Amino acid sequence: MIELSSIDIALLLLLIVGTIYYFLILQRGEHKRDASGKQKSKRNEPKEKCTILFGSQTGTAEGFARQLGLDLGSYGIEASVQDLSDFQPVRFCSLRAKKFK
């Protein structure tokens, strides 16, 4: 049986949350209607910021994270993609969680 360390579990959880988030963004559609009923593109909205952390030995998670970052950019979200080995744990305090509807 395979034993998972704490970091393995954290990375799997991060990957699962990222995947769920990715598909929720896609289901939201590309356009919103404003109060007058006209469609406005999400690309014209102010940018949100998002940090995507990945851990990969084979490059699969890195590729997924980079693609997710590119896709988020098309929705007006500025994404920063970083390897967990390069990320300083004290920076977690400076990150804030955002709930998207």
Protein backbone atom coordinates (compact mmCIF):
# COMPACT_ATOMS: atom_id res chain seq x y z
CA MET A 1 0.00 0.00 0.00
CA ILE A 2 1.23 3.48 -0.81
CA GLU A 3 1.87 5.79 2.12
CA LEU A 4 1.22 9.49 1.59
CA SER A 5 3.12 12.16 3.48
CA SER A 6 1.57 15.42 4.63
CA ILE A 7 3.00 17.27 1.63
CA ASP A 8 1.56 14.66 -0.77
CA ILE A 9 -1.89 15.07 0.78
CA ALA A 10 -1.59 18.88 0.64
CA LEU A 11 -0.59 18.76 -3.04
CA LEU A 12 -3.43 16.40 -3.92
CA LEU A 13 -5.87 18.65 -2.10
CA LEU A 14 -4.51 21.69 -3.92
CA LEU A 15 -4.82 19.91 -7.25
CA ILE A 16 -8.42 18.85 -6.51
CA VAL A 17 -9.42 22.36 -5.41
CA GLY A 18 -7.73 23.83 -8.48
CA THR A 19 -9.57 21.41 -10.76
CA ILE A 20 -12.94 22.19 -9.19
CA TYR A 21 -12.24 25.92 -9.42
CA TYR A 22 -11.19 25.59 -13.06
CA PHE A 23 -14.43 23.90 -14.07
CA LEU A 24 -16.58 26.33 -12.08
CA ILE A 25 -14.96 29.24 -13.94
CA LEU A 26 -15.70 27.59 -17.28
CA GLN A 27 -19.35 27.09 -16.39
CA ARG A 28 -19.80 30.77 -15.53
CA GLY A 29 -19.65 31.71 -19.18
CA GLU A 30 -17.69 34.45 -20.85
CA HIS A 31 -20.17 37.33 -20.70
CA LYS A 32 -22.22 39.01 -17.99
CA ARG A 33 -25.17 41.32 -18.36
CA ASP A 34 -25.04 44.72 -16.69
CA ALA A 35 -28.02 46.52 -15.11
CA SER A 36 -29.25 47.80 -18.49
CA GLY A 37 -29.36 44.26 -19.89
CA LYS A 38 -26.41 44.76 -22.22
CA GLN A 39 -23.73 42.14 -22.30
CA LYS A 40 -20.32 43.15 -21.10
CA SER A 41 -17.20 41.11 -21.53
CA LYS A 42 -15.40 39.85 -18.44
CA ARG A 43 -12.18 40.84 -20.13
CA ASN A 44 -13.00 44.51 -19.50
CA GLU A 45 -13.55 44.02 -15.77
CA PRO A 46 -10.85 44.89 -13.24
CA LYS A 47 -8.34 42.11 -12.74
CA GLU A 48 -8.41 39.84 -9.73
CA LYS A 49 -5.17 38.23 -8.57
CA CYS A 50 -4.69 34.52 -8.02
CA THR A 51 -1.68 32.47 -6.92
CA ILE A 52 -1.47 28.90 -8.20
CA LEU A 53 0.97 26.63 -6.39
CA PHE A 54 2.02 23.29 -7.82
CA GLY A 55 4.29 20.44 -6.89
CA SER A 56 5.37 18.04 -9.60
CA GLN A 57 7.99 15.39 -10.18
CA THR A 58 6.96 14.51 -13.72
CA GLY A 59 5.74 17.93 -14.88
CA THR A 60 2.06 17.03 -15.12
CA ALA A 61 0.94 19.32 -12.28
CA GLU A 62 3.17 22.10 -13.59
CA GLY A 63 1.59 21.87 -17.04
CA PHE A 64 -1.90 21.86 -15.56
CA ALA A 65 -1.09 24.84 -13.31
CA ARG A 66 0.37 26.86 -16.18
CA GLN A 67 -2.64 26.10 -18.41
CA LEU A 68 -4.99 27.07 -15.57
CA GLY A 69 -3.09 30.34 -15.20
CA LEU A 70 -3.47 31.09 -18.91
CA ASP A 71 -7.17 30.22 -18.85
CA LEU A 72 -7.80 32.44 -15.81
CA GLY A 73 -6.16 35.31 -17.68
CA SER A 74 -8.85 35.12 -20.34
CA TYR A 75 -11.42 35.70 -17.57
CA GLY A 76 -9.68 38.82 -16.28
CA ILE A 77 -7.88 37.06 -13.42
CA GLU A 78 -4.17 37.72 -13.13
CA ALA A 79 -2.58 34.40 -12.17
CA SER A 80 0.85 33.81 -10.67
CA VAL A 81 2.06 30.21 -11.06
CA GLN A 82 4.76 29.05 -8.63
CA ASP A 83 6.48 25.79 -7.75
CA LEU A 84 5.99 24.84 -4.10
CA SER A 85 9.73 24.24 -3.77
CA ASP A 86 10.33 27.92 -4.64
CA PHE A 87 7.46 29.26 -2.50
CA GLN A 88 8.30 30.60 0.95
CA PRO A 89 5.79 29.30 3.56
CA VAL A 90 5.71 32.69 5.33
CA ARG A 91 4.06 34.09 2.18
CA PHE A 92 0.90 32.12 3.01
CA CYS A 93 0.11 34.86 5.51
CA SER A 94 0.11 37.48 2.74
CA LEU A 95 -2.27 35.50 0.52
CA ARG A 96 -5.97 35.95 0.97
CA ALA A 97 -8.76 33.57 0.17
CA LYS A 98 -11.49 34.68 -2.21
CA LYS A 99 -14.80 32.98 -2.67
CA PHE A 100 -16.13 33.17 -6.22
CA LYS A 101 -19.87 32.87 -6.81
